[in-house]
Protein backbone atom coordinates (compact mmCIF):
# COMPACT_ATOMS: atom_id res chain seq x y z
CA MET A 1 -2.77 -45.71 -64.31
CA LYS A 2 -1.52 -49.06 -65.56
CA VAL A 3 2.13 -49.26 -66.48
CA ALA A 4 2.75 -49.40 -70.23
CA LEU A 5 4.04 -52.58 -71.83
CA ARG A 6 6.84 -50.58 -73.45
CA THR A 7 8.03 -49.50 -69.99
CA LEU A 8 8.21 -53.10 -68.74
CA LEU A 9 10.04 -54.23 -71.87
CA ASP A 10 12.54 -51.38 -71.73
CA ARG A 11 13.23 -51.99 -68.03
CA SER A 12 13.64 -55.71 -68.68
CA ALA A 13 16.01 -55.25 -71.63
CA LYS A 14 18.16 -52.90 -69.55
CA LYS A 15 18.28 -55.30 -66.58
CA MET A 16 19.30 -58.24 -68.78
CA GLY A 17 22.36 -56.37 -70.07
CA LYS A 18 24.32 -56.80 -73.28
CA GLY A 19 25.79 -60.26 -72.69
CA MET A 20 22.59 -62.22 -73.20
CA ASN A 21 22.14 -65.05 -75.66
CA PRO A 22 19.84 -63.50 -78.31
CA VAL A 23 17.31 -66.36 -78.18
CA VAL A 24 17.10 -66.16 -74.39
CA LYS A 25 16.69 -62.39 -74.48
CA ALA A 26 14.02 -62.51 -77.17
CA SER A 27 12.13 -65.25 -75.32
CA ALA A 28 12.26 -63.30 -72.05
CA LEU A 29 10.79 -60.19 -73.69
CA GLU A 30 8.13 -62.33 -75.36
CA MET A 31 7.22 -63.75 -71.93
CA VAL A 32 6.77 -60.24 -70.54
CA GLU A 33 4.54 -59.33 -73.48
CA ARG A 34 2.41 -62.48 -73.32
CA ALA A 35 1.90 -62.06 -69.58
CA TYR A 36 0.91 -58.42 -70.09
CA ASN A 37 -1.67 -59.47 -72.67
CA GLU A 38 -3.16 -61.75 -70.00
CA GLY A 39 -3.33 -58.91 -67.50
CA ILE A 40 -0.16 -59.81 -65.56
CA THR A 41 2.55 -57.18 -65.18
CA VAL A 42 5.98 -58.80 -64.89
CA GLN A 43 9.53 -57.54 -65.22
CA ILE A 44 12.95 -59.14 -65.67
CA SER A 45 15.23 -58.27 -62.74
CA ALA A 46 18.50 -59.88 -63.87
CA GLY A 47 20.10 -61.49 -66.89
CA TYR A 48 23.77 -61.60 -67.83
CA ARG A 49 26.16 -61.57 -64.86
CA SER A 50 29.91 -61.25 -65.34
CA LEU A 51 32.35 -63.55 -63.55
CA GLU A 52 33.41 -60.64 -61.35
CA GLU A 53 29.79 -59.89 -60.44
CA GLN A 54 29.29 -63.57 -59.64
CA ALA A 55 32.37 -63.47 -57.41
CA ALA A 56 30.96 -60.49 -55.52
CA LEU A 57 27.66 -62.33 -55.05
CA TYR A 58 29.37 -65.53 -53.91
CA GLY A 59 31.55 -63.52 -51.52
CA GLN A 60 28.55 -62.38 -49.50
CA GLY A 61 28.61 -64.04 -46.09
CA ARG A 62 31.96 -65.76 -46.62
CA VAL A 63 35.67 -65.19 -47.16
CA TYR A 64 36.43 -65.47 -50.87
CA ILE A 65 39.32 -64.56 -53.14
CA TYR A 66 38.89 -64.66 -56.93
CA ASN A 67 41.63 -63.82 -59.43
CA ARG A 68 43.73 -62.37 -56.59
CA LYS A 69 40.96 -59.95 -55.60
CA ASN A 70 39.19 -60.09 -52.25
CA TYR A 71 35.42 -60.41 -52.66
CA SER A 72 34.75 -61.28 -49.01
CA ASN A 73 31.70 -59.53 -47.53
CA LEU A 74 30.87 -60.95 -44.12
CA ALA A 75 28.43 -58.11 -43.42
CA LYS A 76 25.89 -59.62 -45.83
CA PRO A 77 24.16 -63.01 -45.74
CA ILE A 78 25.01 -65.90 -48.07
CA VAL A 79 22.80 -65.71 -51.15
CA THR A 80 24.30 -68.23 -53.56
CA SER A 81 26.41 -71.37 -53.68
CA ALA A 82 27.49 -70.69 -57.27
CA LYS A 83 31.08 -69.62 -57.82
CA PRO A 84 32.12 -67.70 -60.97
CA GLY A 85 31.40 -69.87 -64.00
CA GLN A 86 28.89 -72.00 -62.08
CA SER A 87 25.79 -69.97 -62.89
CA TYR A 88 23.96 -69.91 -66.21
CA HIS A 89 23.68 -66.15 -65.71
CA ASN A 90 27.43 -66.01 -66.45
CA TYR A 91 26.72 -67.22 -70.00
CA GLY A 92 23.63 -65.10 -70.71
CA LEU A 93 21.40 -68.18 -70.51
CA ALA A 94 19.34 -67.33 -67.42
CA ILE A 95 17.00 -64.61 -66.18
CA ASP A 96 15.23 -63.71 -62.95
CA PHE A 97 11.77 -62.15 -62.87
CA PHE A 98 9.22 -60.70 -60.46
CA ILE A 99 5.64 -59.49 -60.55
CA VAL A 100 5.04 -55.74 -60.35
CA SER A 101 1.96 -53.80 -59.28
CA ASP A 102 -0.35 -52.64 -62.04
CA ASP A 103 1.13 -49.13 -61.90
CA GLY A 104 4.65 -50.58 -62.21
CA LYS A 105 5.87 -48.92 -59.00
CA ARG A 106 5.99 -51.81 -56.56
CA ALA A 107 7.59 -55.27 -56.67
CA ILE A 108 5.41 -58.19 -55.57
CA TRP A 109 7.35 -61.24 -54.42
CA THR A 110 4.40 -63.43 -53.42
CA VAL A 111 4.45 -66.68 -55.39
CA ASN A 112 0.78 -66.77 -56.32
CA ALA A 113 -1.31 -67.85 -59.31
CA ASN A 114 -0.02 -64.96 -61.43
CA TRP A 115 3.59 -65.87 -60.63
CA GLN A 116 2.98 -69.50 -61.56
CA ARG A 117 1.25 -68.44 -64.77
CA VAL A 118 4.29 -66.37 -65.81
CA ALA A 119 6.50 -69.40 -65.11
CA ALA A 120 4.20 -71.51 -67.30
CA ILE A 121 4.47 -68.98 -70.14
CA GLY A 122 8.25 -69.11 -69.76
CA LYS A 123 8.25 -72.90 -69.94
CA ASP A 124 6.11 -72.76 -73.10
CA LEU A 125 8.86 -70.62 -74.61
CA GLY A 126 11.55 -73.18 -73.75
CA PHE A 127 12.73 -72.08 -70.29
CA LYS A 128 13.24 -74.37 -67.31
CA TRP A 129 11.82 -72.94 -64.06
CA GLY A 130 13.66 -72.92 -60.74
CA GLY A 131 10.34 -73.49 -59.01
CA ASP A 132 10.30 -77.04 -60.39
CA TRP A 133 13.62 -77.97 -58.78
CA SER A 134 13.36 -80.80 -56.25
CA SER A 135 15.80 -79.43 -53.66
CA PHE A 136 16.35 -75.68 -53.43
CA LYS A 137 13.52 -73.91 -55.24
CA ASP A 138 14.31 -70.61 -56.95
CA TYR A 139 10.92 -69.26 -57.96
CA SER A 140 12.25 -66.18 -59.75
CA HIS A 141 14.71 -68.12 -61.93
CA LEU A 142 14.32 -69.25 -65.54
CA GLU A 143 17.08 -70.75 -67.68
CA MET A 144 17.58 -72.03 -71.20
CA THR A 145 20.78 -74.09 -71.36
CA GLY A 146 20.57 -76.24 -74.48
CA GLY A 147 21.43 -79.21 -72.29
CA LEU A 148 24.96 -77.97 -71.62
CA SER A 149 26.69 -78.25 -68.26
CA TYR A 150 28.85 -75.55 -66.67
CA THR A 151 31.90 -77.61 -67.56
CA GLN A 152 30.92 -77.68 -71.24
CA LEU A 153 30.21 -73.95 -71.25
CA GLN A 154 33.50 -73.22 -69.50
CA ALA A 155 35.24 -75.24 -72.22
CA GLY A 156 33.74 -72.90 -74.82
CA LYS A 157 30.85 -75.01 -76.11
CA LYS A 158 27.89 -73.00 -77.37
CA PRO A 159 24.25 -74.03 -76.87
CA HIS A 160 22.01 -74.50 -79.89
CA LEU A 161 18.73 -72.98 -78.77
CA ALA A 162 15.47 -73.22 -80.68
CA CYS A 163 13.42 -70.04 -80.83
CA LYS A 164 9.79 -70.82 -79.95
CA LEU A 165 8.36 -67.38 -80.62
CA GLU A 166 5.22 -67.06 -82.69
CA LYS A 167 7.20 -64.46 -84.61
CA THR A 168 10.60 -65.47 -85.95
CA ASP A 169 12.22 -62.25 -84.84
CA ILE A 170 12.58 -60.44 -81.54
CA PRO A 171 9.40 -58.67 -80.31
CA LYS A 172 9.22 -55.20 -81.78
CA THR A 173 7.04 -53.55 -79.13
CA SER A 174 10.11 -52.20 -77.31
CA LYS A 175 12.79 -49.89 -78.59
CA GLY A 176 16.12 -51.64 -78.27
CA ASP A 177 19.71 -50.48 -77.86
CA SER A 178 20.40 -47.22 -79.72
CA LEU A 179 23.93 -48.25 -80.74
CA ILE A 180 22.65 -51.56 -82.15
CA ILE A 181 20.09 -49.55 -84.14
CA SER A 182 22.98 -47.48 -85.51
CA ILE A 183 24.90 -50.66 -86.40
CA GLN A 184 21.86 -52.06 -88.18
CA LYS A 185 21.42 -48.84 -90.18
CA THR A 186 25.10 -48.89 -91.17
CA LEU A 187 24.83 -52.51 -92.29
CA ASN A 188 21.81 -51.61 -94.41
CA GLY A 189 23.49 -48.60 -95.96
CA ARG A 190 26.90 -50.18 -96.52
CA TYR A 191 25.97 -53.75 -97.43
CA LYS A 192 22.29 -53.49 -98.56
CA THR A 193 21.18 -56.02 -95.94
CA ALA A 194 17.64 -54.65 -95.47
CA ILE A 195 17.28 -55.65 -91.82
CA GLU A 196 15.01 -53.85 -89.37
CA GLY A 197 16.62 -51.31 -87.07
CA ASP A 198 14.99 -52.64 -83.91
CA GLY A 199 17.99 -52.38 -81.58
CA PHE A 200 18.21 -56.09 -80.79
CA TYR A 201 20.86 -58.60 -81.80
CA GLY A 202 19.06 -61.51 -83.41
CA PRO A 203 19.71 -64.01 -86.24
CA LYS A 204 19.08 -61.44 -89.00
CA THR A 205 21.57 -58.94 -87.60
CA ARG A 206 24.13 -61.72 -87.11
CA SER A 207 23.65 -62.76 -90.74
CA ALA A 208 24.02 -59.13 -91.86
CA LEU A 209 27.35 -58.83 -90.02
CA ILE A 210 28.57 -62.01 -91.73
CA LYS A 211 27.48 -60.59 -95.10
CA GLY A 212 29.48 -57.47 -94.35
CA LEU A 213 32.53 -59.54 -93.45
CA GLN A 214 32.20 -61.66 -96.59
CA THR A 215 31.90 -58.52 -98.71
CA GLU A 216 35.02 -56.98 -97.18
CA LEU A 217 37.05 -60.20 -97.53
CA ASN A 218 36.12 -60.26 -101.21
CA LYS A 219 36.84 -56.57 -101.73
CA GLN A 220 40.09 -56.35 -99.76
CA PHE A 221 41.54 -59.85 -100.21
CA ASN A 222 39.81 -61.24 -103.31
CA LYS A 223 38.48 -64.27 -101.40
CA LYS A 224 35.67 -64.87 -103.92
CA LEU A 225 33.11 -65.83 -101.28
CA VAL A 226 29.38 -66.15 -101.86
CA VAL A 227 27.85 -63.30 -99.86
CA ASP A 228 25.04 -65.28 -98.23
CA GLY A 229 25.35 -64.36 -94.55
CA LYS A 230 26.07 -67.97 -93.59
CA TRP A 231 28.99 -68.93 -91.37
CA GLY A 232 30.21 -71.88 -93.39
CA PRO A 233 33.58 -73.59 -93.95
CA LYS A 234 34.63 -71.38 -96.88
CA THR A 235 34.04 -68.18 -94.91
CA LYS A 236 35.84 -69.59 -91.87
CA ASN A 237 38.87 -70.54 -93.96
CA ALA A 238 38.94 -67.15 -95.69
CA ILE A 239 39.34 -65.22 -92.42
CA VAL A 240 42.35 -62.96 -92.10
CA THR A 241 43.85 -61.94 -88.77
CA ILE A 242 43.64 -58.28 -87.78
CA LYS A 243 45.33 -56.64 -84.84
CA LYS A 244 45.96 -53.31 -83.15
CA GLY A 245 46.72 -50.64 -85.73
CA ALA A 246 44.32 -51.97 -88.37
CA SER A 247 42.03 -49.36 -89.91
CA CYS A 248 39.33 -50.81 -92.12
CA ASN A 249 35.71 -51.91 -92.36
CA ILE A 250 36.64 -55.36 -91.06
CA THR A 251 37.71 -53.67 -87.83
CA TRP A 252 34.30 -51.96 -87.71
CA ILE A 253 32.59 -55.36 -88.08
CA LEU A 254 34.76 -56.72 -85.26
CA GLN A 255 33.83 -53.76 -83.07
CA ALA A 256 30.13 -54.26 -83.84
CA ALA A 257 30.31 -58.00 -83.11
CA LEU A 258 32.11 -57.38 -79.79
CA TYR A 259 29.48 -54.84 -78.78
CA MET A 260 26.71 -57.32 -79.61
CA LYS A 261 28.37 -59.81 -77.26
CA GLY A 262 28.42 -57.28 -74.43
CA PHE A 263 32.05 -56.09 -74.72
CA ASN A 264 32.16 -52.39 -75.51
CA PRO A 265 35.08 -51.45 -77.82
CA GLY A 266 34.45 -47.72 -77.51
CA PRO A 267 33.62 -45.70 -80.65
CA LEU A 268 32.73 -47.86 -83.65
CA ASP A 269 35.13 -46.07 -85.93
CA GLY A 270 36.94 -48.89 -87.74
CA GLU A 271 40.16 -48.07 -85.87
CA PHE A 272 41.75 -50.99 -84.00
CA GLY A 273 43.03 -49.02 -81.04
CA LYS A 274 43.49 -49.60 -77.31
CA ASN A 275 39.75 -49.75 -76.50
CA THR A 276 39.08 -52.35 -79.19
CA GLU A 277 42.11 -54.38 -78.10
CA THR A 278 40.94 -54.31 -74.47
CA ALA A 279 37.38 -55.36 -75.39
CA LEU A 280 38.75 -58.15 -77.59
CA PHE A 281 41.05 -59.41 -74.81
CA LYS A 282 38.20 -59.43 -72.28
CA TYR A 283 35.95 -61.26 -74.73
CA GLN A 284 38.61 -63.89 -75.47
CA ARG A 285 39.18 -64.53 -71.75
CA ALA A 286 35.44 -64.75 -71.04
CA SER A 287 34.97 -67.14 -73.99
CA ARG A 288 37.89 -69.35 -72.89
CA ILE A 289 39.72 -68.96 -76.21
CA SER A 290 43.31 -67.83 -76.84
CA ALA A 291 43.57 -64.37 -75.26
CA ASP A 292 46.19 -63.13 -77.73
CA LYS A 293 44.51 -59.80 -78.57
CA LEU A 294 44.41 -60.86 -82.24
CA ALA A 295 41.18 -61.22 -84.19
CA GLY A 296 41.96 -64.46 -86.01
CA LYS A 297 40.01 -67.54 -87.05
CA GLU A 298 39.35 -68.75 -83.53
CA THR A 299 37.94 -65.41 -82.39
CA TRP A 300 35.79 -64.84 -85.48
CA ASN A 301 34.45 -68.39 -85.26
CA ASP A 302 33.50 -67.86 -81.62
CA LEU A 303 31.79 -64.55 -82.41
CA PHE A 304 29.59 -66.03 -85.13
CA THR A 305 28.99 -69.64 -84.00
């Protein structure tokens, strides 16, 4: 029996993880769906990779210390020349894929016509393919960088990626993250945002979070903002700093935004406790912004830019 498209999409979404750029993630799922509609069964094998995971990968076959931790693993062969921060996977801008058998039970690593067709679909969606590289060819690799270098990304610059989907939203053939669905339902109930509870973090959910923040700034601090879901200068300037001990809906929005970025703050309860502080600190360090454990203008701007 042929593997269901939903199965391939669910597997792929899980493998990509929660730190993916939303445009890259949506485009990857669209590639899986388009390939399936052409009779090719493909699955994403990797997406976001933390700096620590990159260190462990780089440590294979060599002696390597990163952030005072030993990642040396001489028992395994060298698999990458990319140190932490030197892979687009570290920024949620790259994926790896492979062909699977029609029943979905067996990986097929032969670079054949089907493999090249999947790469072509990916390129149509805006990806660059590792199989086109002139030196080392990485046939399973696709990336969407917005023209930014590792140095620019390490400095905190964000890529502006154009979504080339036929649909303007993320494909809805796969059920997404259950907690994101819960966040979307809360946004709809609390702020009347009327977004779809599809379990994916896309432009509409981002806008809904901004609307929620604007509403709370007006309600709690009389900021008199237009609630339009746009991250503009007036909203940026109206931001207030919250820290550990805060208990309010703005904390809930912070927790939701951190979760969307792949940093789990624990229960989304509106309580700025130890788990939220830890997730915030990890996010600030990963984003190369002031790791002060305070949710101020710099942090909010990074979350929504």
